[in-house]
N, C-alpha and C. Protein backbone atom coordinates (compact mmCIF):
# COMPACT_ATOMS: atom_id res chain seq x y z
N MET A 1 -15.93 -11.37 20.62
CA MET A 1 -16.97 -12.02 19.86
C MET A 1 -18.38 -11.60 20.30
N SER A 2 -18.92 -11.01 20.92
CA SER A 2 -19.49 -10.76 21.84
C SER A 2 -21.10 -10.41 21.18
N LYS A 3 -20.62 -10.05 20.33
CA LYS A 3 -21.31 -9.33 18.99
C LYS A 3 -22.15 -10.13 17.93
N VAL A 4 -21.65 -11.58 17.91
CA VAL A 4 -21.81 -12.11 17.03
C VAL A 4 -23.65 -13.04 16.65
N THR A 5 -24.11 -12.47 15.78
CA THR A 5 -25.71 -12.84 15.72
C THR A 5 -25.92 -13.10 14.30
N SER A 6 -26.99 -13.92 13.97
CA SER A 6 -27.17 -14.00 12.99
C SER A 6 -29.05 -14.13 12.41
N GLN A 7 -28.88 -14.18 11.08
CA GLN A 7 -30.67 -14.34 10.35
C GLN A 7 -30.33 -14.44 9.30
N GLN A 8 -31.53 -15.85 8.88
CA GLN A 8 -31.12 -16.51 7.74
C GLN A 8 -30.57 -17.57 7.29
N ASN A 9 -29.97 -17.59 8.31
CA ASN A 9 -28.27 -18.91 8.17
C ASN A 9 -28.42 -19.94 7.88
N ASN A 10 -27.29 -21.00 7.22
CA ASN A 10 -27.32 -22.45 7.18
C ASN A 10 -27.57 -22.62 8.70
N PRO A 11 -28.70 -23.77 9.38
CA PRO A 11 -28.17 -24.41 10.49
C PRO A 11 -27.47 -24.43 11.24
N ARG A 12 -26.21 -25.28 10.50
CA ARG A 12 -25.47 -25.57 11.36
C ARG A 12 -24.64 -24.51 11.73
N VAL A 13 -24.20 -23.49 10.83
CA VAL A 13 -24.03 -22.04 10.57
C VAL A 13 -24.49 -21.08 11.94
N GLU A 14 -25.86 -21.33 12.33
CA GLU A 14 -26.19 -21.04 13.07
C GLU A 14 -26.03 -21.13 14.26
N ARG A 15 -25.65 -22.76 14.69
CA ARG A 15 -25.56 -23.08 15.74
C ARG A 15 -24.10 -22.97 15.92
N LEU A 16 -23.28 -23.02 15.32
CA LEU A 16 -21.55 -22.70 14.87
C LEU A 16 -21.32 -21.52 16.12
N LEU A 17 -22.11 -20.17 15.23
CA LEU A 17 -21.95 -19.18 15.20
C LEU A 17 -22.55 -18.91 16.60
N LYS A 18 -23.01 -19.38 17.36
CA LYS A 18 -24.11 -19.38 19.00
C LYS A 18 -23.14 -19.97 19.44
N GLN A 19 -22.26 -21.14 18.88
CA GLN A 19 -21.31 -21.58 20.04
C GLN A 19 -20.17 -20.57 20.10
N ILE A 20 -19.36 -20.16 19.36
CA ILE A 20 -18.65 -18.96 19.13
C ILE A 20 -18.82 -18.24 20.09
N ARG A 21 -19.99 -17.60 19.71
CA ARG A 21 -20.73 -16.52 21.23
C ARG A 21 -20.43 -17.01 22.67
N ASN A 22 -20.57 -18.19 22.42
CA ASN A 22 -20.44 -18.88 23.88
C ASN A 22 -18.81 -19.11 24.35
N ASP A 23 -17.91 -18.87 23.44
CA ASP A 23 -16.48 -19.30 23.51
C ASP A 23 -16.39 -20.73 23.55
N ASP A 24 -17.01 -21.50 22.54
CA ASP A 24 -16.65 -22.85 22.21
C ASP A 24 -15.32 -22.97 22.20
N PRO A 25 -14.58 -23.42 22.50
CA PRO A 25 -12.81 -23.41 21.37
C PRO A 25 -13.02 -23.72 20.41
N ARG A 26 -13.69 -24.92 20.28
CA ARG A 26 -13.46 -26.21 19.49
C ARG A 26 -14.31 -25.21 17.82
N ALA A 27 -15.80 -25.01 18.52
CA ALA A 27 -16.67 -23.39 17.23
C ALA A 27 -15.83 -23.60 15.98
N PHE A 28 -14.85 -22.52 15.99
CA PHE A 28 -14.51 -22.30 14.66
C PHE A 28 -13.59 -23.02 13.98
N ALA A 29 -13.05 -23.83 14.48
CA ALA A 29 -12.62 -24.92 13.18
C ALA A 29 -13.77 -26.04 12.86
N GLN A 30 -14.58 -26.07 13.67
CA GLN A 30 -15.96 -26.77 12.58
C GLN A 30 -16.67 -25.71 11.89
N LEU A 31 -16.47 -24.86 11.59
CA LEU A 31 -17.02 -23.01 11.17
C LEU A 31 -16.68 -23.05 10.31
N VAL A 32 -14.66 -23.09 10.33
CA VAL A 32 -13.99 -23.64 8.31
C VAL A 32 -14.27 -24.59 8.01
N LYS A 33 -14.33 -26.00 8.69
CA LYS A 33 -14.77 -27.01 7.86
C LYS A 33 -16.15 -27.23 7.43
N GLU A 34 -16.97 -26.13 7.46
CA GLU A 34 -18.19 -26.20 7.24
C GLU A 34 -18.42 -25.16 6.10
N LEU A 35 -17.76 -23.98 6.30
CA LEU A 35 -17.83 -23.12 5.05
C LEU A 35 -16.62 -23.39 4.34
N GLU A 36 -16.02 -24.16 4.16
CA GLU A 36 -14.55 -24.13 3.49
C GLU A 36 -15.28 -24.20 1.73
N PRO A 37 -16.00 -25.42 1.96
CA PRO A 37 -16.43 -25.61 0.11
C PRO A 37 -17.05 -24.65 -0.50
N PHE A 38 -17.42 -23.73 0.14
CA PHE A 38 -18.22 -21.75 0.43
C PHE A 38 -17.03 -20.77 -0.45
N VAL A 39 -16.20 -20.76 0.81
CA VAL A 39 -15.42 -19.90 0.58
C VAL A 39 -14.69 -20.47 -0.61
N ILE A 40 -13.83 -21.60 -0.65
CA ILE A 40 -12.81 -21.94 -1.94
C ILE A 40 -13.14 -21.53 -3.19
N GLY A 41 -14.84 -21.67 -3.28
CA GLY A 41 -15.66 -21.81 -4.95
C GLY A 41 -15.73 -20.35 -5.09
N SER A 42 -16.54 -19.96 -4.48
CA SER A 42 -16.25 -18.38 -4.53
C SER A 42 -15.32 -17.77 -4.63
N SER A 43 -13.97 -17.80 -4.03
CA SER A 43 -12.57 -17.53 -4.41
C SER A 43 -12.17 -17.37 -5.64
N LEU A 44 -12.20 -19.00 -6.06
CA LEU A 44 -12.20 -19.36 -7.25
C LEU A 44 -13.15 -18.69 -8.22
N LYS A 45 -14.38 -18.64 -8.20
CA LYS A 45 -14.68 -17.48 -9.17
C LYS A 45 -14.41 -16.35 -9.21
N VAL A 46 -14.19 -15.27 -7.94
CA VAL A 46 -13.91 -14.07 -7.59
C VAL A 46 -12.39 -14.20 -8.39
N CYS A 47 -11.28 -14.58 -8.30
CA CYS A 47 -10.12 -14.72 -8.52
C CYS A 47 -9.86 -15.64 -9.56
N ARG A 48 -10.66 -16.49 -9.87
CA ARG A 48 -10.38 -17.50 -11.35
C ARG A 48 -8.82 -17.85 -11.74
N ASP A 49 -8.12 -17.75 -11.07
CA ASP A 49 -7.41 -18.82 -10.59
C ASP A 49 -6.92 -19.77 -9.05
N ARG A 50 -6.59 -20.64 -9.70
CA ARG A 50 -6.84 -22.25 -8.61
C ARG A 50 -5.71 -21.63 -7.33
N ALA A 51 -4.36 -21.26 -7.70
CA ALA A 51 -3.45 -21.25 -6.92
C ALA A 51 -3.80 -19.69 -5.75
N THR A 52 -4.09 -18.40 -6.62
CA THR A 52 -4.74 -17.55 -5.43
C THR A 52 -6.17 -17.68 -5.03
N ALA A 53 -6.90 -18.56 -5.97
CA ALA A 53 -8.22 -18.74 -4.87
C ALA A 53 -8.32 -19.55 -3.53
N GLU A 54 -7.10 -20.54 -3.11
CA GLU A 54 -6.79 -21.13 -2.28
C GLU A 54 -6.34 -20.42 -1.06
N GLU A 55 -4.79 -19.69 -1.69
CA GLU A 55 -4.71 -18.62 -1.09
C GLU A 55 -5.64 -17.72 -0.30
N ASN A 56 -6.57 -17.23 -1.04
CA ASN A 56 -7.36 -15.91 -0.55
C ASN A 56 -8.58 -17.38 0.25
N ALA A 57 -8.85 -17.89 -0.22
CA ALA A 57 -9.32 -18.95 1.34
C ALA A 57 -8.65 -19.10 2.22
N GLN A 58 -7.50 -19.03 2.12
CA GLN A 58 -6.93 -19.24 3.73
C GLN A 58 -6.56 -17.32 4.55
N ASP A 59 -6.56 -16.81 3.40
CA ASP A 59 -6.68 -15.10 4.29
C ASP A 59 -8.47 -15.10 4.99
N THR A 60 -8.93 -15.32 3.63
CA THR A 60 -10.21 -15.14 4.26
C THR A 60 -10.69 -15.57 5.44
N PHE A 61 -10.26 -16.81 6.22
CA PHE A 61 -10.84 -17.05 7.18
C PHE A 61 -10.11 -16.29 8.28
N VAL A 62 -8.48 -16.34 7.78
CA VAL A 62 -7.99 -15.41 8.88
C VAL A 62 -8.57 -14.15 9.56
N SER A 63 -9.62 -13.37 8.13
CA SER A 63 -10.35 -11.73 8.07
C SER A 63 -11.80 -12.26 8.90
N MET A 64 -11.77 -13.46 8.42
CA MET A 64 -13.22 -13.88 9.32
C MET A 64 -12.88 -13.66 10.92
N PHE A 65 -12.30 -14.41 11.12
CA PHE A 65 -11.82 -14.63 12.95
C PHE A 65 -11.35 -13.61 13.37
N ARG A 66 -10.44 -12.63 12.08
CA ARG A 66 -10.44 -10.98 13.46
C ARG A 66 -11.41 -10.68 13.39
N ASN A 67 -12.57 -10.76 12.54
CA ASN A 67 -13.60 -9.80 12.44
C ASN A 67 -14.96 -10.26 12.76
N LEU A 68 -15.00 -11.65 13.13
CA LEU A 68 -16.10 -12.16 13.79
C LEU A 68 -17.19 -11.37 14.86
N GLY A 69 -15.98 -10.68 14.84
CA GLY A 69 -17.07 -10.20 16.29
C GLY A 69 -17.87 -9.02 15.60
N GLN A 70 -17.80 -8.22 14.58
CA GLN A 70 -17.95 -7.15 13.67
C GLN A 70 -19.32 -7.84 13.20
N PHE A 71 -19.61 -8.73 12.89
CA PHE A 71 -20.78 -9.55 11.98
C PHE A 71 -22.43 -9.03 12.94
N SER A 72 -22.99 -8.31 12.32
CA SER A 72 -24.34 -7.66 12.81
C SER A 72 -25.15 -8.06 13.00
N GLY A 73 -25.48 -9.58 12.03
CA GLY A 73 -26.38 -10.07 11.95
C GLY A 73 -27.68 -9.37 10.95
N THR A 74 -27.49 -8.57 10.46
CA THR A 74 -28.29 -7.61 9.55
C THR A 74 -28.56 -8.08 7.91
N SER A 75 -27.13 -8.79 8.10
CA SER A 75 -27.70 -9.58 6.52
C SER A 75 -27.21 -10.80 7.14
N LYS A 76 -27.54 -11.69 5.84
CA LYS A 76 -26.81 -13.44 5.72
C LYS A 76 -25.56 -13.51 5.85
N PHE A 77 -25.11 -14.54 6.81
CA PHE A 77 -23.85 -14.75 7.19
C PHE A 77 -23.06 -14.60 5.82
N SER A 78 -23.28 -15.18 4.89
CA SER A 78 -22.54 -16.00 3.28
C SER A 78 -22.65 -14.43 2.85
N THR A 79 -23.81 -13.73 3.25
CA THR A 79 -23.33 -12.14 2.53
C THR A 79 -22.32 -11.65 2.89
N TRP A 80 -21.95 -11.86 4.17
CA TRP A 80 -21.21 -10.95 4.77
C TRP A 80 -19.72 -11.59 4.55
N LEU A 81 -19.38 -13.09 4.58
CA LEU A 81 -18.03 -13.45 4.35
C LEU A 81 -18.13 -13.55 2.67
N TYR A 82 -18.96 -13.57 1.65
CA TYR A 82 -18.55 -13.19 0.74
C TYR A 82 -17.90 -11.54 0.16
N THR A 83 -18.09 -11.23 0.84
CA THR A 83 -17.42 -9.09 1.00
C THR A 83 -16.55 -9.13 1.28
N ILE A 84 -16.44 -10.54 2.44
CA ILE A 84 -14.18 -10.21 2.29
C ILE A 84 -13.80 -11.47 1.85
N ILE A 85 -14.26 -12.41 1.04
CA ILE A 85 -13.66 -13.04 -0.11
C ILE A 85 -13.32 -12.36 -1.15
N VAL A 86 -14.37 -11.28 -1.81
CA VAL A 86 -14.09 -9.91 -3.04
C VAL A 86 -13.41 -9.62 -2.71
N ASN A 87 -13.26 -8.77 -1.37
CA ASN A 87 -12.05 -7.68 -0.92
C ASN A 87 -10.82 -8.09 -0.68
N ASN A 88 -10.26 -9.31 -0.51
CA ASN A 88 -9.29 -10.01 -0.25
C ASN A 88 -8.70 -10.31 -1.86
N CYS A 89 -9.89 -10.58 -2.85
CA CYS A 89 -9.00 -10.91 -3.83
C CYS A 89 -8.78 -9.99 -4.63
N ARG A 90 -9.49 -8.85 -4.47
CA ARG A 90 -9.35 -7.36 -5.21
C ARG A 90 -8.47 -7.09 -4.82
N MET A 91 -7.90 -7.00 -3.04
CA MET A 91 -6.27 -6.48 -2.62
C MET A 91 -4.93 -7.38 -3.35
N LYS A 92 -5.33 -8.85 -3.70
CA LYS A 92 -4.38 -9.48 -4.28
C LYS A 92 -3.78 -9.31 -5.53
N ARG A 93 -5.19 -8.94 -6.51
CA ARG A 93 -5.03 -8.41 -8.02
C ARG A 93 -4.19 -7.12 -7.84
N ARG A 94 -4.84 -6.16 -6.82
CA ARG A 94 -3.89 -4.89 -6.83
C ARG A 94 -2.39 -5.00 -6.90
N LYS A 95 -2.42 -5.56 -5.65
CA LYS A 95 -0.55 -6.50 -5.46
C LYS A 95 0.29 -6.60 -6.64
N SER A 96 -0.63 -7.59 -7.00
CA SER A 96 -0.10 -8.33 -8.06
C SER A 96 0.55 -7.07 -9.28
N ARG A 97 -0.99 -5.82 -9.57
CA ARG A 97 -0.56 -5.36 -10.27
C ARG A 97 0.78 -4.20 -10.06
N LEU A 98 0.88 -3.79 -9.19
CA LEU A 98 2.00 -2.98 -8.70
C LEU A 98 2.85 -3.89 -8.83
N GLU A 99 3.29 -5.05 -8.22
CA GLU A 99 4.11 -5.28 -8.77
C GLU A 99 4.88 -5.81 -9.57
N ARG A 100 4.11 -6.33 -10.94
CA ARG A 100 4.52 -6.57 -12.21
C ARG A 100 4.74 -5.07 -12.58
N ALA A 101 4.03 -4.01 -12.51
CA ALA A 101 4.72 -2.41 -12.51
C ALA A 101 5.98 -1.94 -12.10
N SER A 102 6.02 -2.03 -11.09
CA SER A 102 7.21 -1.86 -10.84
C SER A 102 8.24 -2.93 -11.28
N VAL A 103 8.52 -3.91 -11.62
CA VAL A 103 9.43 -4.69 -12.15
C VAL A 103 9.66 -4.01 -13.43
N SER A 104 8.19 -3.83 -13.76
CA SER A 104 8.31 -3.24 -15.20
C SER A 104 9.70 -1.88 -15.68
N ILE A 105 9.45 -1.06 -14.10
CA ILE A 105 10.39 0.06 -14.17
C ILE A 105 11.37 -0.30 -14.03
N ASP A 106 11.22 -0.87 -12.90
CA ASP A 106 13.13 -1.56 -12.36
C ASP A 106 13.60 -2.07 -13.54
N GLU A 107 13.06 -2.45 -14.60
CA GLU A 107 13.68 -3.22 -15.46
C GLU A 107 14.36 -1.82 -16.94
N MET A 108 13.28 -1.40 -16.91
CA MET A 108 13.36 -0.13 -17.67
C MET A 108 14.55 0.85 -17.34
N ALA A 109 14.89 0.99 -16.21
CA ALA A 109 15.73 1.95 -15.30
C ALA A 109 17.25 1.13 -15.43
N ALA A 110 17.50 -0.50 -16.15
CA ALA A 110 18.27 -0.76 -15.37
C ALA A 110 19.16 -1.13 -17.11
N SER A 111 18.39 -1.42 -17.61
CA SER A 111 18.65 -1.90 -19.39
C SER A 111 18.77 -0.76 -20.16
N GLY A 112 18.00 0.41 -19.71
CA GLY A 112 17.78 1.45 -20.97
C GLY A 112 16.37 2.06 -21.74
N GLY A 113 15.84 1.38 -20.76
CA GLY A 113 14.68 1.92 -21.35
C GLY A 113 13.50 0.93 -21.52
N ARG A 114 12.93 0.03 -21.35
CA ARG A 114 11.81 -0.85 -21.55
C ARG A 114 10.68 0.13 -21.14
N HIS A 115 9.55 -0.15 -22.22
CA HIS A 115 8.56 0.92 -22.05
C HIS A 115 8.78 1.51 -22.60
N ALA A 116 9.66 2.25 -23.15
CA ALA A 116 10.20 3.83 -22.71
C ALA A 116 9.37 4.66 -23.49
N SER A 117 8.60 4.05 -24.71
CA SER A 117 7.72 5.26 -25.61
C SER A 117 6.86 5.06 -24.57
N ASP A 118 5.91 4.56 -24.36
CA ASP A 118 4.98 4.92 -23.23
C ASP A 118 5.34 5.58 -22.31
N LEU A 119 5.73 5.29 -21.56
CA LEU A 119 6.09 6.13 -20.66
C LEU A 119 6.54 7.47 -20.81
N GLU A 120 6.97 7.66 -21.80
CA GLU A 120 7.49 9.58 -22.15
C GLU A 120 6.53 9.85 -22.55
N ALA A 121 5.45 9.59 -23.61
CA ALA A 121 4.07 9.92 -23.88
C ALA A 121 3.46 10.19 -22.60
N ALA A 122 3.47 9.07 -21.68
CA ALA A 122 2.42 9.67 -20.49
C ALA A 122 3.38 10.59 -19.50
N GLY A 123 4.49 11.06 -19.83
CA GLY A 123 4.80 11.83 -19.04
C GLY A 123 4.92 13.61 -19.85
N SER A 124 4.84 13.65 -20.96
CA SER A 124 4.83 15.21 -21.68
C SER A 124 3.53 15.16 -22.20
N GLY A 125 2.69 13.98 -22.68
CA GLY A 125 1.64 14.43 -22.88
C GLY A 125 1.74 14.84 -24.66
N ALA A 126 2.86 14.03 -25.39
CA ALA A 126 2.84 13.92 -26.52
C ALA A 126 3.43 12.84 -27.20
N PRO A 127 3.64 12.39 -28.53
CA PRO A 127 3.99 10.80 -29.05
C PRO A 127 5.58 11.02 -28.88
N ALA A 128 6.00 9.93 -28.54
CA ALA A 128 7.42 9.77 -28.14
C ALA A 128 8.31 9.09 -28.89
N ASP A 129 9.38 9.28 -29.62
CA ASP A 129 10.07 8.16 -30.31
C ASP A 129 11.32 7.58 -30.09
N ALA A 130 10.77 6.42 -29.24
CA ALA A 130 11.82 5.53 -28.47
C ALA A 130 13.12 5.57 -29.11
N GLN A 131 13.78 5.91 -30.53
CA GLN A 131 14.88 5.95 -30.84
C GLN A 131 15.43 7.23 -30.55
N LEU A 132 14.81 8.03 -29.91
CA LEU A 132 15.83 9.20 -29.88
C LEU A 132 16.52 9.62 -28.19
N LEU A 133 15.87 8.61 -27.10
CA LEU A 133 15.62 8.77 -25.86
C LEU A 133 17.28 7.87 -26.00
N SER A 134 17.78 8.24 -24.89
CA SER A 134 18.84 7.95 -24.92
C SER A 134 19.27 7.19 -23.95
N GLU A 135 19.85 6.19 -23.38
CA GLU A 135 19.57 5.12 -22.30
C GLU A 135 19.75 6.22 -21.08
N GLU A 136 20.66 7.03 -20.91
CA GLU A 136 20.57 7.95 -19.86
C GLU A 136 19.52 8.69 -19.47
N LEU A 137 18.67 9.36 -20.21
CA LEU A 137 17.57 9.94 -20.49
C LEU A 137 16.27 8.67 -19.93
N ARG A 138 16.11 7.77 -20.18
CA ARG A 138 15.54 6.18 -20.35
C ARG A 138 15.64 6.46 -18.47
N ALA A 139 16.54 6.00 -17.92
CA ALA A 139 17.10 5.83 -16.87
C ALA A 139 16.60 6.96 -15.82
N VAL A 140 16.89 8.12 -16.96
CA VAL A 140 16.31 9.58 -15.68
C VAL A 140 14.42 8.96 -15.89
N LEU A 141 13.93 9.15 -17.02
CA LEU A 141 12.35 8.56 -16.37
C LEU A 141 12.03 7.78 -15.56
N GLY A 142 13.17 6.55 -15.58
CA GLY A 142 12.72 5.71 -14.97
C GLY A 142 12.74 6.06 -12.86
N ALA A 143 13.96 6.76 -13.02
CA ALA A 143 13.89 7.42 -11.73
C ALA A 143 13.04 8.60 -11.37
N ALA A 144 12.51 9.22 -12.54
CA ALA A 144 11.45 9.92 -11.76
C ALA A 144 10.07 9.54 -12.04
N ILE A 145 9.95 8.19 -11.83
CA ILE A 145 8.60 7.39 -11.78
C ILE A 145 8.97 7.07 -10.07
N GLU A 146 9.72 6.39 -10.41
CA GLU A 146 10.57 5.45 -8.88
C GLU A 146 10.30 6.57 -7.59
N ASN A 147 10.33 8.14 -7.71
CA ASN A 147 10.14 8.52 -6.94
C ASN A 147 8.72 9.33 -6.81
N LEU A 148 8.05 9.02 -7.17
CA LEU A 148 7.06 9.56 -6.85
C LEU A 148 5.84 9.48 -5.91
N PRO A 149 5.34 10.07 -5.00
CA PRO A 149 5.01 9.48 -3.81
C PRO A 149 3.98 8.18 -4.08
N GLU A 150 4.03 7.46 -2.96
CA GLU A 150 3.02 6.38 -3.45
C GLU A 150 1.65 6.56 -4.06
N ASP A 151 0.97 7.51 -3.75
CA ASP A 151 -0.32 7.57 -4.40
C ASP A 151 -0.82 8.22 -5.78
N TYR A 152 0.85 8.58 -5.99
CA TYR A 152 0.55 9.31 -7.09
C TYR A 152 0.90 8.13 -7.78
N ARG A 153 2.07 7.37 -7.45
CA ARG A 153 2.95 6.04 -8.40
C ARG A 153 1.92 5.40 -8.38
N SER A 154 1.27 4.96 -7.69
CA SER A 154 -0.29 3.58 -7.88
C SER A 154 -0.65 3.89 -9.09
N VAL A 155 -1.73 4.94 -9.10
CA VAL A 155 -1.72 5.66 -9.94
C VAL A 155 -1.38 5.55 -10.92
N PHE A 156 -0.24 5.95 -11.48
CA PHE A 156 0.84 6.17 -12.39
C PHE A 156 0.99 4.73 -13.31
N VAL A 157 1.26 4.03 -12.43
CA VAL A 157 1.97 2.63 -12.81
C VAL A 157 1.00 1.77 -13.50
N LEU A 158 -0.46 1.85 -12.87
CA LEU A 158 -1.39 1.22 -13.23
C LEU A 158 -2.23 1.91 -14.31
N ARG A 159 -2.30 3.41 -14.33
CA ARG A 159 -2.44 3.64 -15.97
C ARG A 159 -1.80 3.84 -16.75
N ASP A 160 -0.65 4.20 -16.59
CA ASP A 160 0.09 4.35 -17.87
C ASP A 160 1.23 2.96 -17.67
N VAL A 161 1.80 2.07 -17.19
CA VAL A 161 2.22 1.01 -17.24
C VAL A 161 1.51 -0.10 -17.65
N GLU A 162 0.59 -0.25 -16.97
CA GLU A 162 -0.56 -1.46 -17.03
C GLU A 162 -1.53 -1.55 -17.71
N HIS A 163 -1.63 0.42 -18.40
CA HIS A 163 -2.92 0.28 -19.45
C HIS A 163 -3.81 0.62 -18.74
N LEU A 164 -4.42 0.15 -17.80
CA LEU A 164 -5.81 -0.35 -17.37
C LEU A 164 -6.93 1.05 -17.00
N SER A 165 -7.89 1.05 -17.27
CA SER A 165 -8.87 2.30 -17.84
C SER A 165 -8.71 2.85 -16.20
N ASN A 166 -9.63 4.41 -16.15
CA ASN A 166 -9.31 5.38 -15.22
C ASN A 166 -10.40 3.98 -13.96
N GLU A 167 -11.35 3.57 -14.64
CA GLU A 167 -12.46 2.85 -13.62
C GLU A 167 -11.75 1.24 -13.47
N ASP A 168 -11.08 1.04 -13.79
CA ASP A 168 -10.53 -0.20 -12.43
C ASP A 168 -9.25 0.11 -12.07
N VAL A 169 -8.74 1.29 -12.53
CA VAL A 169 -7.93 2.02 -11.62
C VAL A 169 -8.65 2.36 -10.16
N ALA A 170 -9.71 2.79 -10.46
CA ALA A 170 -10.35 3.79 -9.50
C ALA A 170 -10.91 2.33 -8.18
N ARG A 171 -10.99 0.87 -9.39
CA ARG A 171 -12.10 0.19 -8.39
C ARG A 171 -10.64 -0.74 -7.58
N ASP A 172 -9.12 -0.82 -7.87
CA ASP A 172 -8.20 -1.35 -7.38
C ASP A 172 -8.19 -0.83 -6.38
N LEU A 173 -7.77 0.56 -6.55
CA LEU A 173 -7.20 1.44 -5.30
C LEU A 173 -8.02 1.82 -4.57
N ASP A 174 -9.43 1.82 -4.90
CA ASP A 174 -11.23 2.24 -3.48
C ASP A 174 -10.88 3.93 -3.85
N LEU A 175 -10.71 4.23 -5.26
CA LEU A 175 -10.61 5.13 -5.46
C LEU A 175 -12.32 6.16 -6.11
N SER A 176 -12.30 7.26 -6.40
CA SER A 176 -13.04 7.85 -7.05
C SER A 176 -12.56 8.04 -8.53
N VAL A 177 -13.73 7.67 -9.78
CA VAL A 177 -12.60 7.91 -10.81
C VAL A 177 -12.38 9.38 -10.90
N ALA A 178 -12.82 9.97 -10.46
CA ALA A 178 -12.13 11.92 -10.53
C ALA A 178 -10.94 11.85 -9.72
N ALA A 179 -10.71 11.13 -8.87
CA ALA A 179 -9.59 10.94 -8.15
C ALA A 179 -8.05 10.49 -8.34
N VAL A 180 -8.55 9.55 -9.25
CA VAL A 180 -7.53 9.12 -10.04
C VAL A 180 -7.55 9.98 -11.33
N LYS A 181 -7.99 10.37 -11.88
CA LYS A 181 -7.42 11.68 -13.02
C LYS A 181 -6.87 12.53 -12.07
N SER A 182 -7.19 13.50 -11.22
CA SER A 182 -6.30 14.70 -10.80
C SER A 182 -4.97 13.54 -10.47
N ARG A 183 -5.08 12.53 -9.76
CA ARG A 183 -3.60 12.19 -8.65
C ARG A 183 -2.48 12.09 -10.18
N LEU A 184 -3.54 11.18 -11.45
CA LEU A 184 -2.93 10.97 -12.57
C LEU A 184 -2.09 12.28 -13.30
N HIS A 185 -2.34 13.13 -13.47
CA HIS A 185 -2.38 14.24 -13.88
C HIS A 185 -1.72 15.02 -13.06
N ARG A 186 -1.27 14.66 -11.72
CA ARG A 186 -0.06 15.32 -11.12
C ARG A 186 0.96 14.37 -11.31
N ALA A 187 0.85 13.19 -11.17
CA ALA A 187 1.77 12.48 -11.31
C ALA A 187 2.67 12.92 -12.73
N ARG A 188 1.96 12.64 -13.62
CA ARG A 188 2.69 13.12 -14.54
C ARG A 188 3.84 14.40 -15.00
N GLU A 189 3.09 15.30 -14.78
CA GLU A 189 3.23 16.80 -14.61
C GLU A 189 4.67 16.39 -13.71
N ARG A 190 4.79 15.69 -12.90
CA ARG A 190 5.99 15.46 -11.79
C ARG A 190 7.24 14.62 -12.34
N VAL A 191 6.38 13.75 -13.40
CA VAL A 191 7.46 12.70 -14.21
C VAL A 191 7.97 13.91 -15.22
N ARG A 192 7.46 14.85 -16.20
CA ARG A 192 7.93 15.79 -17.02
C ARG A 192 8.23 16.79 -16.44
N GLU A 193 8.05 17.57 -15.33
CA GLU A 193 9.35 18.23 -14.29
C GLU A 193 10.46 17.90 -14.47
N HIS A 194 10.87 16.42 -14.03
CA HIS A 194 11.62 15.92 -13.48
C HIS A 194 12.47 15.60 -14.92
N VAL A 195 11.87 14.83 -15.65
CA VAL A 195 12.89 15.12 -17.30
C VAL A 195 12.67 16.26 -17.93
N GLU A 196 12.12 17.53 -17.66
CA GLU A 196 12.70 18.89 -18.52
C GLU A 196 14.10 19.33 -17.34
N ALA A 197 14.12 18.92 -16.41
CA ALA A 197 15.08 19.32 -15.31
C ALA A 197 16.86 18.65 -15.76
N TYR A 198 16.44 17.82 -16.29
CA TYR A 198 17.36 16.94 -16.62
C TYR A 198 18.06 17.51 -17.92
N MET A 199 16.87 17.69 -18.90
CA MET A 199 16.73 18.01 -20.46
C MET A 199 18.13 19.55 -20.29
N LYS A 200 17.61 20.23 -18.98
CA LYS A 200 17.99 21.79 -18.98
C LYS A 200 19.33 21.64 -18.63
N GLU A 201 19.95 20.35 -17.65
CA GLU A 201 21.31 20.72 -17.41
C GLU A 201 22.02 20.20 -18.23
N GLN A 202 21.34 19.24 -19.67
CA GLN A 202 22.13 18.67 -20.43
C GLN A 202 22.46 20.11 -21.45
N GLU A 203 22.00 20.88 -21.56
CA GLU A 203 22.18 22.17 -22.40
C GLU A 203 23.72 23.12 -22.18
């Protein structure tokens, strides 16, 4: 942690950072205690859920410990730390959305097609009548989505299952909006091709 320096920090934080730089084994625990109100309060504002905020605070301190040597001192320490808080919370939201979307797809395949009309419309680019979809076709549609490459599947489920905007998907996956649109188009093409191949087999 020899790179740790600071500018314009709280005097107590400044002192603890200096002690950490000098390999004081007790300094990091004291730094955590000093920063805990700020980290928990900021996590609550960003995550907007107390349980998630508390988990985020713990993860933030782990990230701080691992990356403290990278703090260059070109900005306030609180600014550097707040960036970690925001990034950790964003990753938790992303993971939660992907997990919810995965559950939706799994349920669709198992039960015969929950959300089938939405996914069929996304795959074909045309309105779908869920009543015309057989349970087997719905299961095929779910399998098509499950078999997408991860980078396509992540965009597809966030955009067409969770119904997020292109901008929200781009933010959550750290992509450009153009990349989201490109991956979504390719994902929809693959889903449609998979379903069309199944339909031809039934002719």
